[in-house]
Amino acid sequence: MWLACASCASSAPVLHPIQPPYPGRVHLVAGGTAVVPFGELEDSERAGRVSGLSPHGRVHVGVVRDVEVRGGWTGDQGTLGARWAPPLDELRKWRASLGLDLAVGLPHEALGPRFGGDVTAGFGRTYTDLFHLWIAATTGSSFAPASDDTGSSALRIHGGLVLGFAVGFRRLHAIVEIGAGVQHDRADSERTGLYLVPGFALAARL
């Protein structure tokens, strides 16, 4: 089963399987995402989210049953995290998912490197391993110091929901999702607005 979420310190959702790899196994995810800002965020030069299409890649490694560690890159930032996804029924068709990701982003304009964290909680269902459906909620924040004495630091807080599905067979699936949320930026001025984050990817189980 596959699950995706909007990343707090990312320019896009983070697509990943809701069922972690078995211990010692690996899942690979590669695709792209886009950010569509609205309201005050549309005019913000320090939104912290890079609008437009961004490449996305991630590696998931099973540690123990139902637990994974993962690392990857989306747009202008790298992420490292862990996730627990216990089954909710005897047939293991339904799963919950609770994850924590830390991120470091490249400097942006007058700001230095960006540091952030994201907590995601969701659940999903597998239908005969051909079709997968999920929903998730995410919240987080990021901080970027000023790159010189004349600038100001930037703080971002956001929260949102993601809905997605995956279609495939055995070891290969195509993933499509859409995320939406509210973001608040505080730098030289304060801005609050909405954003949409569509994403797509191919996921391979090795």
N, C-alpha and C. Protein backbone atom coordinates (compact mmCIF):
# COMPACT_ATOMS: atom_id res chain seq x y z
N MET A 1 0.84 -1.18 0.00
CA MET A 1 0.00 0.00 0.00
C MET A 1 0.88 1.24 0.00
N TRP A 2 0.37 2.32 -0.60
CA TRP A 2 1.20 3.51 -0.77
C TRP A 2 0.55 4.70 -0.08
N LEU A 3 1.40 5.53 0.48
CA LEU A 3 0.91 6.71 1.18
C LEU A 3 1.80 7.89 0.84
N ALA A 4 1.23 9.09 0.71
CA ALA A 4 2.01 10.28 0.42
C ALA A 4 1.57 11.41 1.33
N CYS A 5 2.45 12.38 1.51
CA CYS A 5 2.11 13.51 2.34
C CYS A 5 2.87 14.73 1.90
N ALA A 6 2.36 15.89 2.30
CA ALA A 6 3.07 17.13 2.03
C ALA A 6 4.15 17.32 3.08
N SER A 7 5.34 17.63 2.66
CA SER A 7 6.47 17.75 3.58
C SER A 7 6.58 19.17 4.09
N CYS A 8 6.89 19.30 5.37
CA CYS A 8 6.89 20.63 5.98
C CYS A 8 8.00 21.49 5.44
N ALA A 9 9.17 20.94 5.16
CA ALA A 9 10.29 21.76 4.73
C ALA A 9 10.61 21.48 3.28
N SER A 10 9.62 21.08 2.55
CA SER A 10 9.83 20.67 1.18
C SER A 10 9.03 21.52 0.25
N SER A 11 9.37 21.52 -1.04
CA SER A 11 8.59 22.22 -2.03
C SER A 11 7.52 21.31 -2.61
N ALA A 12 7.32 20.13 -2.06
CA ALA A 12 6.43 19.16 -2.67
C ALA A 12 6.07 18.06 -1.71
N PRO A 13 5.09 17.22 -2.08
CA PRO A 13 4.79 16.06 -1.24
C PRO A 13 5.96 15.08 -1.20
N VAL A 14 5.94 14.24 -0.19
CA VAL A 14 6.91 13.16 -0.10
C VAL A 14 6.15 11.87 -0.34
N LEU A 15 6.33 11.22 -1.48
CA LEU A 15 5.61 10.00 -1.81
C LEU A 15 6.35 8.81 -1.23
N HIS A 16 5.61 7.90 -0.59
CA HIS A 16 6.27 6.74 -0.02
C HIS A 16 5.26 5.63 0.21
N PRO A 17 5.68 4.38 0.26
CA PRO A 17 4.78 3.26 0.50
C PRO A 17 4.31 3.25 1.95
N ILE A 18 3.01 3.03 2.17
CA ILE A 18 2.52 2.97 3.54
C ILE A 18 2.99 1.68 4.20
N GLN A 19 3.14 0.61 3.43
CA GLN A 19 3.69 -0.63 3.99
C GLN A 19 5.20 -0.58 3.88
N PRO A 20 5.91 -0.48 4.99
CA PRO A 20 7.37 -0.38 4.93
C PRO A 20 7.98 -1.63 4.30
N PRO A 21 9.18 -1.52 3.75
CA PRO A 21 9.86 -2.72 3.23
C PRO A 21 10.09 -3.72 4.36
N TYR A 22 10.16 -4.99 3.99
CA TYR A 22 10.53 -6.00 4.97
C TYR A 22 11.97 -5.73 5.43
N PRO A 23 12.33 -6.17 6.61
CA PRO A 23 13.70 -5.92 7.10
C PRO A 23 14.75 -6.32 6.09
N GLY A 24 15.64 -5.38 5.78
CA GLY A 24 16.70 -5.62 4.82
C GLY A 24 16.32 -5.38 3.38
N ARG A 25 15.04 -5.11 3.09
CA ARG A 25 14.59 -4.84 1.71
C ARG A 25 14.53 -3.34 1.46
N VAL A 26 14.44 -2.97 0.17
CA VAL A 26 14.51 -1.57 -0.23
C VAL A 26 13.35 -1.22 -1.17
N HIS A 27 12.78 -0.04 -0.99
CA HIS A 27 11.82 0.54 -1.93
C HIS A 27 12.43 1.80 -2.53
N LEU A 28 12.29 1.99 -3.83
CA LEU A 28 12.77 3.19 -4.52
C LEU A 28 11.58 3.95 -5.11
N VAL A 29 11.58 5.27 -4.93
CA VAL A 29 10.51 6.13 -5.44
C VAL A 29 11.15 7.28 -6.21
N ALA A 30 10.67 7.54 -7.43
CA ALA A 30 11.19 8.65 -8.25
C ALA A 30 10.05 9.27 -9.03
N GLY A 31 10.01 10.60 -9.07
CA GLY A 31 8.95 11.28 -9.79
C GLY A 31 9.13 12.78 -9.77
N GLY A 32 8.02 13.49 -9.71
CA GLY A 32 8.06 14.95 -9.70
C GLY A 32 6.86 15.52 -8.98
N THR A 33 6.99 16.77 -8.54
CA THR A 33 5.92 17.45 -7.82
C THR A 33 5.90 18.91 -8.24
N ALA A 34 4.81 19.59 -7.94
CA ALA A 34 4.69 21.02 -8.24
C ALA A 34 3.97 21.71 -7.09
N VAL A 35 4.27 22.97 -6.90
CA VAL A 35 3.62 23.77 -5.86
C VAL A 35 2.85 24.90 -6.52
N VAL A 36 1.57 25.05 -6.15
CA VAL A 36 0.73 26.12 -6.68
C VAL A 36 0.27 26.98 -5.50
N PRO A 37 0.90 28.14 -5.27
CA PRO A 37 0.53 28.99 -4.13
C PRO A 37 -0.66 29.90 -4.47
N PHE A 38 -1.41 30.29 -3.45
CA PHE A 38 -2.55 31.19 -3.60
C PHE A 38 -2.48 32.28 -2.55
N GLY A 39 -3.19 33.36 -2.80
CA GLY A 39 -3.26 34.45 -1.84
C GLY A 39 -1.94 35.16 -1.66
N GLU A 40 -1.61 35.48 -0.41
CA GLU A 40 -0.39 36.22 -0.12
C GLU A 40 0.86 35.43 -0.48
N LEU A 41 0.79 34.10 -0.44
CA LEU A 41 1.96 33.29 -0.78
C LEU A 41 2.34 33.43 -2.25
N GLU A 42 1.38 33.74 -3.08
CA GLU A 42 1.65 33.85 -4.52
C GLU A 42 2.62 34.97 -4.83
N ASP A 43 2.59 36.04 -4.00
CA ASP A 43 3.48 37.19 -4.21
C ASP A 43 4.69 37.18 -3.30
N SER A 44 4.81 36.17 -2.45
CA SER A 44 5.91 36.13 -1.49
C SER A 44 7.20 35.71 -2.16
N GLU A 45 8.27 36.45 -1.92
CA GLU A 45 9.58 36.09 -2.44
C GLU A 45 10.34 35.20 -1.46
N ARG A 46 9.78 35.02 -0.24
CA ARG A 46 10.45 34.22 0.77
C ARG A 46 9.52 33.13 1.27
N ALA A 47 8.70 32.60 0.39
CA ALA A 47 7.72 31.62 0.82
C ALA A 47 8.38 30.34 1.31
N GLY A 48 9.60 30.06 0.90
CA GLY A 48 10.27 28.85 1.32
C GLY A 48 9.87 27.66 0.47
N ARG A 49 8.77 27.75 -0.26
CA ARG A 49 8.36 26.72 -1.21
C ARG A 49 8.72 27.21 -2.60
N VAL A 50 9.38 26.37 -3.37
CA VAL A 50 9.80 26.74 -4.71
C VAL A 50 8.71 26.33 -5.68
N SER A 51 8.01 27.32 -6.27
CA SER A 51 6.93 27.00 -7.18
C SER A 51 7.49 26.40 -8.46
N GLY A 52 6.65 25.65 -9.16
CA GLY A 52 7.09 24.98 -10.37
C GLY A 52 7.37 23.51 -10.12
N LEU A 53 7.74 22.80 -11.17
CA LEU A 53 7.99 21.37 -11.08
C LEU A 53 9.35 21.09 -10.44
N SER A 54 9.37 20.14 -9.51
CA SER A 54 10.60 19.75 -8.83
C SER A 54 10.76 18.24 -8.91
N PRO A 55 11.97 17.73 -9.16
CA PRO A 55 12.19 16.28 -9.14
C PRO A 55 12.17 15.75 -7.71
N HIS A 56 11.77 14.50 -7.58
CA HIS A 56 11.68 13.88 -6.27
C HIS A 56 12.26 12.47 -6.32
N GLY A 57 13.13 12.13 -5.36
CA GLY A 57 13.67 10.79 -5.26
C GLY A 57 13.84 10.39 -3.81
N ARG A 58 13.57 9.11 -3.49
CA ARG A 58 13.65 8.69 -2.10
C ARG A 58 13.96 7.19 -2.04
N VAL A 59 14.73 6.81 -1.00
CA VAL A 59 15.07 5.41 -0.75
C VAL A 59 14.52 5.03 0.62
N HIS A 60 13.79 3.89 0.68
CA HIS A 60 13.22 3.39 1.93
C HIS A 60 13.86 2.05 2.26
N VAL A 61 14.30 1.89 3.48
CA VAL A 61 14.96 0.66 3.91
C VAL A 61 14.23 0.10 5.13
N GLY A 62 13.83 -1.17 5.06
CA GLY A 62 13.18 -1.80 6.20
C GLY A 62 14.17 -2.11 7.31
N VAL A 63 13.81 -1.77 8.54
CA VAL A 63 14.68 -1.99 9.70
C VAL A 63 14.18 -3.20 10.48
N VAL A 64 12.99 -3.10 11.01
CA VAL A 64 12.28 -4.23 11.62
C VAL A 64 10.88 -4.23 11.01
N ARG A 65 10.09 -5.22 11.34
CA ARG A 65 8.76 -5.32 10.73
C ARG A 65 7.93 -4.08 11.04
N ASP A 66 7.35 -3.48 10.00
CA ASP A 66 6.48 -2.30 10.07
C ASP A 66 7.23 -1.01 10.40
N VAL A 67 8.56 -1.01 10.34
CA VAL A 67 9.35 0.19 10.62
C VAL A 67 10.38 0.38 9.51
N GLU A 68 10.52 1.62 9.05
CA GLU A 68 11.49 1.93 8.00
C GLU A 68 12.26 3.20 8.34
N VAL A 69 13.43 3.35 7.73
CA VAL A 69 14.14 4.61 7.68
C VAL A 69 14.20 5.01 6.21
N ARG A 70 14.23 6.32 5.94
CA ARG A 70 14.22 6.76 4.55
C ARG A 70 15.00 8.06 4.39
N GLY A 71 15.53 8.27 3.22
CA GLY A 71 16.25 9.49 2.90
C GLY A 71 16.10 9.82 1.44
N GLY A 72 16.14 11.11 1.11
CA GLY A 72 15.96 11.48 -0.29
C GLY A 72 16.16 12.95 -0.53
N TRP A 73 15.73 13.38 -1.72
CA TRP A 73 15.90 14.77 -2.15
C TRP A 73 14.67 15.20 -2.92
N THR A 74 14.14 16.39 -2.60
CA THR A 74 13.02 16.97 -3.33
C THR A 74 13.31 18.44 -3.57
N GLY A 75 13.35 18.82 -4.85
CA GLY A 75 13.60 20.22 -5.17
C GLY A 75 14.95 20.70 -4.68
N ASP A 76 14.94 21.60 -3.69
CA ASP A 76 16.18 22.19 -3.19
C ASP A 76 16.55 21.69 -1.80
N GLN A 77 16.04 20.54 -1.37
CA GLN A 77 16.33 20.10 -0.01
C GLN A 77 16.47 18.59 0.08
N GLY A 78 17.22 18.17 1.11
CA GLY A 78 17.36 16.76 1.42
C GLY A 78 16.61 16.44 2.70
N THR A 79 16.13 15.19 2.82
CA THR A 79 15.37 14.78 3.99
C THR A 79 15.89 13.45 4.53
N LEU A 80 15.69 13.25 5.82
CA LEU A 80 16.04 12.01 6.49
C LEU A 80 14.99 11.76 7.56
N GLY A 81 14.42 10.53 7.61
CA GLY A 81 13.36 10.29 8.56
C GLY A 81 13.13 8.82 8.85
N ALA A 82 12.09 8.56 9.65
CA ALA A 82 11.70 7.20 10.02
C ALA A 82 10.19 7.15 10.12
N ARG A 83 9.64 5.93 9.99
CA ARG A 83 8.19 5.78 10.00
C ARG A 83 7.79 4.42 10.54
N TRP A 84 6.66 4.42 11.28
CA TRP A 84 6.05 3.21 11.82
C TRP A 84 4.67 3.07 11.20
N ALA A 85 4.36 1.90 10.65
CA ALA A 85 3.08 1.69 9.96
C ALA A 85 2.46 0.36 10.37
N PRO A 86 1.82 0.30 11.54
CA PRO A 86 1.23 -0.96 12.01
C PRO A 86 -0.06 -1.30 11.26
N PRO A 87 -0.35 -2.57 11.06
CA PRO A 87 -1.62 -2.97 10.43
C PRO A 87 -2.78 -2.75 11.40
N LEU A 88 -3.97 -2.52 10.83
CA LEU A 88 -5.16 -2.27 11.63
C LEU A 88 -6.15 -3.43 11.60
N ASP A 89 -5.88 -4.44 10.79
CA ASP A 89 -6.77 -5.59 10.73
C ASP A 89 -5.95 -6.86 10.56
N GLU A 90 -6.58 -8.02 10.75
CA GLU A 90 -5.86 -9.29 10.68
C GLU A 90 -5.32 -9.58 9.29
N LEU A 91 -6.00 -9.14 8.25
CA LEU A 91 -5.55 -9.37 6.88
C LEU A 91 -4.50 -8.36 6.43
N ARG A 92 -4.21 -7.37 7.26
CA ARG A 92 -3.19 -6.35 6.98
C ARG A 92 -3.53 -5.56 5.72
N LYS A 93 -4.82 -5.38 5.46
CA LYS A 93 -5.26 -4.55 4.33
C LYS A 93 -5.29 -3.08 4.70
N TRP A 94 -5.67 -2.79 5.95
CA TRP A 94 -5.67 -1.42 6.46
C TRP A 94 -4.41 -1.18 7.29
N ARG A 95 -3.79 -0.01 7.11
CA ARG A 95 -2.61 0.36 7.90
C ARG A 95 -2.70 1.82 8.34
N ALA A 96 -2.22 2.06 9.55
CA ALA A 96 -1.96 3.43 10.00
C ALA A 96 -0.52 3.78 9.64
N SER A 97 -0.18 5.05 9.72
CA SER A 97 1.18 5.48 9.41
C SER A 97 1.53 6.71 10.22
N LEU A 98 2.66 6.67 10.93
CA LEU A 98 3.14 7.79 11.72
C LEU A 98 4.62 8.00 11.40
N GLY A 99 4.96 9.17 10.87
CA GLY A 99 6.33 9.41 10.45
C GLY A 99 6.88 10.74 10.92
N LEU A 100 8.19 10.81 11.03
CA LEU A 100 8.91 12.03 11.38
C LEU A 100 10.05 12.20 10.38
N ASP A 101 10.13 13.39 9.76
CA ASP A 101 11.20 13.69 8.80
C ASP A 101 11.87 15.00 9.16
N LEU A 102 13.21 15.01 9.09
CA LEU A 102 14.00 16.23 9.25
C LEU A 102 14.56 16.62 7.89
N ALA A 103 14.68 17.92 7.66
CA ALA A 103 15.09 18.39 6.34
C ALA A 103 16.09 19.53 6.43
N VAL A 104 16.95 19.61 5.43
CA VAL A 104 17.90 20.72 5.28
C VAL A 104 17.78 21.21 3.84
N GLY A 105 17.50 22.50 3.67
CA GLY A 105 17.34 23.09 2.34
C GLY A 105 18.48 24.00 1.98
N LEU A 106 18.70 24.18 0.70
CA LEU A 106 19.75 25.07 0.21
C LEU A 106 19.40 26.53 0.49
N PRO A 107 20.41 27.43 0.57
CA PRO A 107 20.12 28.85 0.75
C PRO A 107 19.22 29.38 -0.35
N HIS A 108 18.38 30.34 0.01
CA HIS A 108 17.42 30.91 -0.93
C HIS A 108 17.46 32.42 -0.84
N GLU A 109 17.87 33.09 -1.91
CA GLU A 109 17.97 34.54 -1.98
C GLU A 109 18.76 35.09 -0.79
N ALA A 110 18.13 35.90 0.07
CA ALA A 110 18.85 36.54 1.18
C ALA A 110 18.88 35.66 2.42
N LEU A 111 18.41 34.42 2.32
CA LEU A 111 18.36 33.53 3.48
C LEU A 111 19.44 32.47 3.40
N GLY A 112 19.84 31.99 4.57
CA GLY A 112 20.82 30.92 4.65
C GLY A 112 20.15 29.56 4.50
N PRO A 113 20.87 28.48 4.86
CA PRO A 113 20.29 27.14 4.78
C PRO A 113 19.01 27.03 5.60
N ARG A 114 18.07 26.23 5.12
CA ARG A 114 16.77 26.06 5.76
C ARG A 114 16.74 24.74 6.54
N PHE A 115 16.28 24.79 7.79
CA PHE A 115 16.18 23.60 8.64
C PHE A 115 14.73 23.42 9.06
N GLY A 116 14.24 22.19 8.96
CA GLY A 116 12.83 21.98 9.30
C GLY A 116 12.54 20.57 9.76
N GLY A 117 11.31 20.37 10.18
CA GLY A 117 10.83 19.06 10.60
C GLY A 117 9.36 18.91 10.26
N ASP A 118 8.92 17.66 10.07
CA ASP A 118 7.57 17.40 9.63
C ASP A 118 7.04 16.14 10.30
N VAL A 119 5.82 16.17 10.83
CA VAL A 119 5.16 15.01 11.40
C VAL A 119 3.94 14.69 10.54
N THR A 120 3.80 13.42 10.17
CA THR A 120 2.71 12.99 9.29
C THR A 120 1.97 11.82 9.91
N ALA A 121 0.64 11.87 9.87
CA ALA A 121 -0.18 10.76 10.36
C ALA A 121 -1.27 10.47 9.35
N GLY A 122 -1.47 9.21 9.02
CA GLY A 122 -2.48 8.87 8.04
C GLY A 122 -2.85 7.41 8.08
N PHE A 123 -3.68 6.99 7.13
CA PHE A 123 -4.03 5.59 7.00
C PHE A 123 -4.40 5.32 5.55
N GLY A 124 -4.39 4.04 5.17
CA GLY A 124 -4.72 3.68 3.80
C GLY A 124 -5.13 2.24 3.70
N ARG A 125 -5.57 1.86 2.49
CA ARG A 125 -6.04 0.50 2.27
C ARG A 125 -5.51 -0.05 0.96
N THR A 126 -5.21 -1.34 0.95
CA THR A 126 -4.79 -2.06 -0.24
C THR A 126 -5.95 -2.88 -0.78
N TYR A 127 -6.15 -2.82 -2.09
CA TYR A 127 -7.17 -3.61 -2.76
C TYR A 127 -6.48 -4.59 -3.72
N THR A 128 -6.31 -5.83 -3.30
CA THR A 128 -5.71 -6.91 -4.10
C THR A 128 -4.36 -6.55 -4.68
N ASP A 129 -3.65 -5.61 -4.06
CA ASP A 129 -2.31 -5.19 -4.48
C ASP A 129 -2.28 -4.52 -5.85
N LEU A 130 -3.45 -4.29 -6.46
CA LEU A 130 -3.51 -3.60 -7.75
C LEU A 130 -3.85 -2.12 -7.59
N PHE A 131 -4.62 -1.80 -6.56
CA PHE A 131 -5.07 -0.43 -6.34
C PHE A 131 -4.91 -0.10 -4.86
N HIS A 132 -4.37 1.09 -4.58
CA HIS A 132 -4.11 1.53 -3.22
C HIS A 132 -4.64 2.94 -3.03
N LEU A 133 -5.27 3.19 -1.89
CA LEU A 133 -5.87 4.49 -1.61
C LEU A 133 -5.43 4.96 -0.23
N TRP A 134 -5.18 6.27 -0.06
CA TRP A 134 -4.70 6.77 1.23
C TRP A 134 -5.12 8.21 1.46
N ILE A 135 -5.10 8.60 2.73
CA ILE A 135 -5.29 9.99 3.14
C ILE A 135 -4.37 10.24 4.32
N ALA A 136 -3.82 11.45 4.41
CA ALA A 136 -2.87 11.76 5.48
C ALA A 136 -2.96 13.23 5.87
N ALA A 137 -2.64 13.52 7.11
CA ALA A 137 -2.54 14.89 7.62
C ALA A 137 -1.09 15.15 7.99
N THR A 138 -0.64 16.38 7.77
CA THR A 138 0.75 16.71 8.07
C THR A 138 0.84 18.11 8.67
N THR A 139 1.83 18.29 9.53
CA THR A 139 2.09 19.60 10.09
C THR A 139 3.59 19.72 10.36
N GLY A 140 4.11 20.93 10.30
CA GLY A 140 5.53 21.12 10.55
C GLY A 140 5.94 22.57 10.42
N SER A 141 7.24 22.80 10.53
CA SER A 141 7.77 24.15 10.43
C SER A 141 9.20 24.09 9.93
N SER A 142 9.70 25.25 9.48
CA SER A 142 11.10 25.36 9.08
C SER A 142 11.61 26.75 9.42
N PHE A 143 12.94 26.85 9.55
CA PHE A 143 13.58 28.11 9.90
C PHE A 143 14.80 28.31 9.04
N ALA A 144 14.99 29.55 8.55
CA ALA A 144 16.16 29.89 7.75
C ALA A 144 16.77 31.18 8.29
N PRO A 145 18.03 31.16 8.74
CA PRO A 145 18.66 32.39 9.22
C PRO A 145 19.00 33.32 8.07
N ALA A 146 19.15 34.58 8.40
CA ALA A 146 19.57 35.55 7.39
C ALA A 146 20.99 35.24 6.93
N SER A 147 21.27 35.47 5.65
CA SER A 147 22.59 35.19 5.12
C SER A 147 23.60 36.30 5.41
N ASP A 148 23.14 37.48 5.85
CA ASP A 148 24.04 38.57 6.21
C ASP A 148 23.39 39.40 7.30
N ASP A 149 24.11 40.39 7.80
CA ASP A 149 23.62 41.21 8.91
C ASP A 149 22.48 42.13 8.51
N THR A 150 22.32 42.40 7.22
CA THR A 150 21.29 43.34 6.77
C THR A 150 19.94 42.67 6.55
N GLY A 151 19.91 41.34 6.48
CA GLY A 151 18.67 40.64 6.21
C GLY A 151 17.97 40.20 7.48
N SER A 152 16.86 39.50 7.31
CA SER A 152 16.10 38.99 8.43
C SER A 152 15.89 37.49 8.25
N SER A 153 15.75 36.77 9.35
CA SER A 153 15.51 35.33 9.28
C SER A 153 14.07 35.07 8.85
N ALA A 154 13.78 33.82 8.52
CA ALA A 154 12.44 33.46 8.06
C ALA A 154 11.95 32.22 8.79
N LEU A 155 10.70 32.26 9.24
CA LEU A 155 10.06 31.13 9.91
C LEU A 155 8.82 30.75 9.11
N ARG A 156 8.61 29.46 8.93
CA ARG A 156 7.44 28.98 8.21
C ARG A 156 6.75 27.89 9.00
N ILE A 157 5.40 27.97 9.07
CA ILE A 157 4.58 26.96 9.72
C ILE A 157 3.50 26.54 8.74
N HIS A 158 3.22 25.25 8.64
CA HIS A 158 2.18 24.83 7.72
C HIS A 158 1.46 23.59 8.21
N GLY A 159 0.30 23.32 7.65
CA GLY A 159 -0.46 22.11 7.92
C GLY A 159 -1.40 21.85 6.76
N GLY A 160 -1.66 20.58 6.51
CA GLY A 160 -2.53 20.27 5.38
C GLY A 160 -2.93 18.81 5.32
N LEU A 161 -3.61 18.46 4.23
CA LEU A 161 -4.09 17.11 3.97
C LEU A 161 -3.64 16.65 2.60
N VAL A 162 -3.51 15.34 2.44
CA VAL A 162 -3.13 14.75 1.16
C VAL A 162 -4.06 13.58 0.86
N LEU A 163 -4.49 13.47 -0.38
CA LEU A 163 -5.28 12.35 -0.85
C LEU A 163 -4.60 11.78 -2.09
N GLY A 164 -4.44 10.46 -2.16
CA GLY A 164 -3.75 9.89 -3.31
C GLY A 164 -4.10 8.44 -3.55
N PHE A 165 -3.62 7.94 -4.67
CA PHE A 165 -3.83 6.53 -5.01
C PHE A 165 -2.66 6.03 -5.84
N ALA A 166 -2.54 4.70 -5.89
CA ALA A 166 -1.50 4.05 -6.69
C ALA A 166 -2.11 2.87 -7.43
N VAL A 167 -1.65 2.68 -8.66
CA VAL A 167 -2.11 1.58 -9.50
C VAL A 167 -0.88 0.84 -10.02
N GLY A 168 -0.88 -0.49 -9.95
CA GLY A 168 0.25 -1.22 -10.47
C GLY A 168 0.09 -2.71 -10.24
N PHE A 169 1.20 -3.41 -10.36
CA PHE A 169 1.19 -4.86 -10.23
C PHE A 169 2.51 -5.32 -9.63
N ARG A 170 2.44 -6.10 -8.58
CA ARG A 170 3.59 -6.67 -7.92
C ARG A 170 4.61 -5.61 -7.50
N ARG A 171 5.74 -5.50 -8.20
CA ARG A 171 6.86 -4.68 -7.73
C ARG A 171 6.87 -3.25 -8.27
N LEU A 172 5.96 -2.89 -9.16
CA LEU A 172 5.99 -1.56 -9.77
C LEU A 172 4.61 -0.92 -9.70
N HIS A 173 4.56 0.33 -9.21
CA HIS A 173 3.30 1.06 -9.09
C HIS A 173 3.48 2.50 -9.57
N ALA A 174 2.43 3.05 -10.16
CA ALA A 174 2.37 4.47 -10.50
C ALA A 174 1.54 5.18 -9.44
N ILE A 175 2.03 6.31 -8.94
CA ILE A 175 1.40 7.02 -7.83
C ILE A 175 0.98 8.42 -8.29
N VAL A 176 -0.24 8.81 -7.92
CA VAL A 176 -0.75 10.16 -8.17
C VAL A 176 -1.35 10.67 -6.87
N GLU A 177 -1.08 11.93 -6.52
CA GLU A 177 -1.64 12.50 -5.31
C GLU A 177 -1.86 13.99 -5.45
N ILE A 178 -2.68 14.53 -4.54
CA ILE A 178 -2.89 15.97 -4.47
C ILE A 178 -2.91 16.37 -3.00
N GLY A 179 -2.11 17.37 -2.66
CA GLY A 179 -2.07 17.88 -1.30
C GLY A 179 -2.55 19.32 -1.26
N ALA A 180 -3.13 19.73 -0.16
CA ALA A 180 -3.61 21.11 0.02
C ALA A 180 -3.42 21.51 1.47
N GLY A 181 -3.11 22.77 1.71
CA GLY A 181 -2.90 23.20 3.08
C GLY A 181 -2.81 24.70 3.23
N VAL A 182 -2.51 25.11 4.45
CA VAL A 182 -2.34 26.51 4.82
C VAL A 182 -0.91 26.72 5.28
N GLN A 183 -0.29 27.79 4.84
CA GLN A 183 1.09 28.09 5.21
C GLN A 183 1.21 29.52 5.70
N HIS A 184 1.97 29.72 6.78
CA HIS A 184 2.23 31.06 7.32
C HIS A 184 3.72 31.32 7.29
N ASP A 185 4.14 32.43 6.68
CA ASP A 185 5.55 32.82 6.58
C ASP A 185 5.78 34.09 7.38
N ARG A 186 6.89 34.10 8.13
CA ARG A 186 7.26 35.29 8.89
C ARG A 186 8.72 35.60 8.58
N ALA A 187 8.95 36.70 7.85
CA ALA A 187 10.31 37.14 7.53
C ALA A 187 10.35 38.65 7.70
N ASP A 188 10.63 39.41 6.62
CA ASP A 188 10.58 40.86 6.72
C ASP A 188 9.14 41.34 6.88
N SER A 189 8.17 40.47 6.51
CA SER A 189 6.75 40.73 6.73
C SER A 189 6.07 39.38 6.91
N GLU A 190 4.80 39.39 7.32
CA GLU A 190 4.08 38.15 7.54
C GLU A 190 3.08 37.91 6.42
N ARG A 191 3.02 36.64 5.96
CA ARG A 191 2.10 36.28 4.89
C ARG A 191 1.47 34.94 5.21
N THR A 192 0.20 34.80 4.88
CA THR A 192 -0.53 33.55 5.07
C THR A 192 -1.33 33.25 3.82
N GLY A 193 -1.32 32.01 3.39
CA GLY A 193 -2.06 31.66 2.19
C GLY A 193 -2.23 30.16 2.05
N LEU A 194 -2.92 29.77 0.99
CA LEU A 194 -3.18 28.38 0.69
C LEU A 194 -2.22 27.89 -0.39
N TYR A 195 -2.05 26.57 -0.47
CA TYR A 195 -1.23 25.99 -1.52
C TYR A 195 -1.80 24.63 -1.93
N LEU A 196 -1.59 24.27 -3.18
CA LEU A 196 -1.88 22.95 -3.71
C LEU A 196 -0.57 22.30 -4.12
N VAL A 197 -0.42 21.00 -3.88
CA VAL A 197 0.80 20.30 -4.23
C VAL A 197 0.45 18.97 -4.92
N PRO A 198 0.31 18.98 -6.24
CA PRO A 198 0.13 17.71 -6.96
C PRO A 198 1.46 16.98 -7.11
N GLY A 199 1.41 15.66 -7.14
CA GLY A 199 2.63 14.88 -7.28
C GLY A 199 2.39 13.59 -8.03
N PHE A 200 3.44 13.06 -8.63
CA PHE A 200 3.37 11.78 -9.34
C PHE A 200 4.71 11.08 -9.16
N ALA A 201 4.70 9.75 -9.25
CA ALA A 201 5.95 8.99 -9.10
C ALA A 201 5.76 7.55 -9.56
N LEU A 202 6.87 6.90 -9.79
CA LEU A 202 6.94 5.45 -9.97
C LEU A 202 7.64 4.86 -8.76
N ALA A 203 7.10 3.79 -8.21
CA ALA A 203 7.68 3.16 -7.03
C ALA A 203 8.02 1.71 -7.36
N ALA A 204 9.25 1.31 -7.02
CA ALA A 204 9.73 -0.04 -7.28
C ALA A 204 10.11 -0.71 -5.98
N ARG A 205 9.69 -1.96 -5.78
CA ARG A 205 10.05 -2.75 -4.62
C ARG A 205 11.17 -3.72 -4.99
N LEU A 206 12.31 -3.56 -4.37
CA LEU A 206 13.45 -4.42 -4.68
C LEU A 206 13.56 -5.57 -3.69
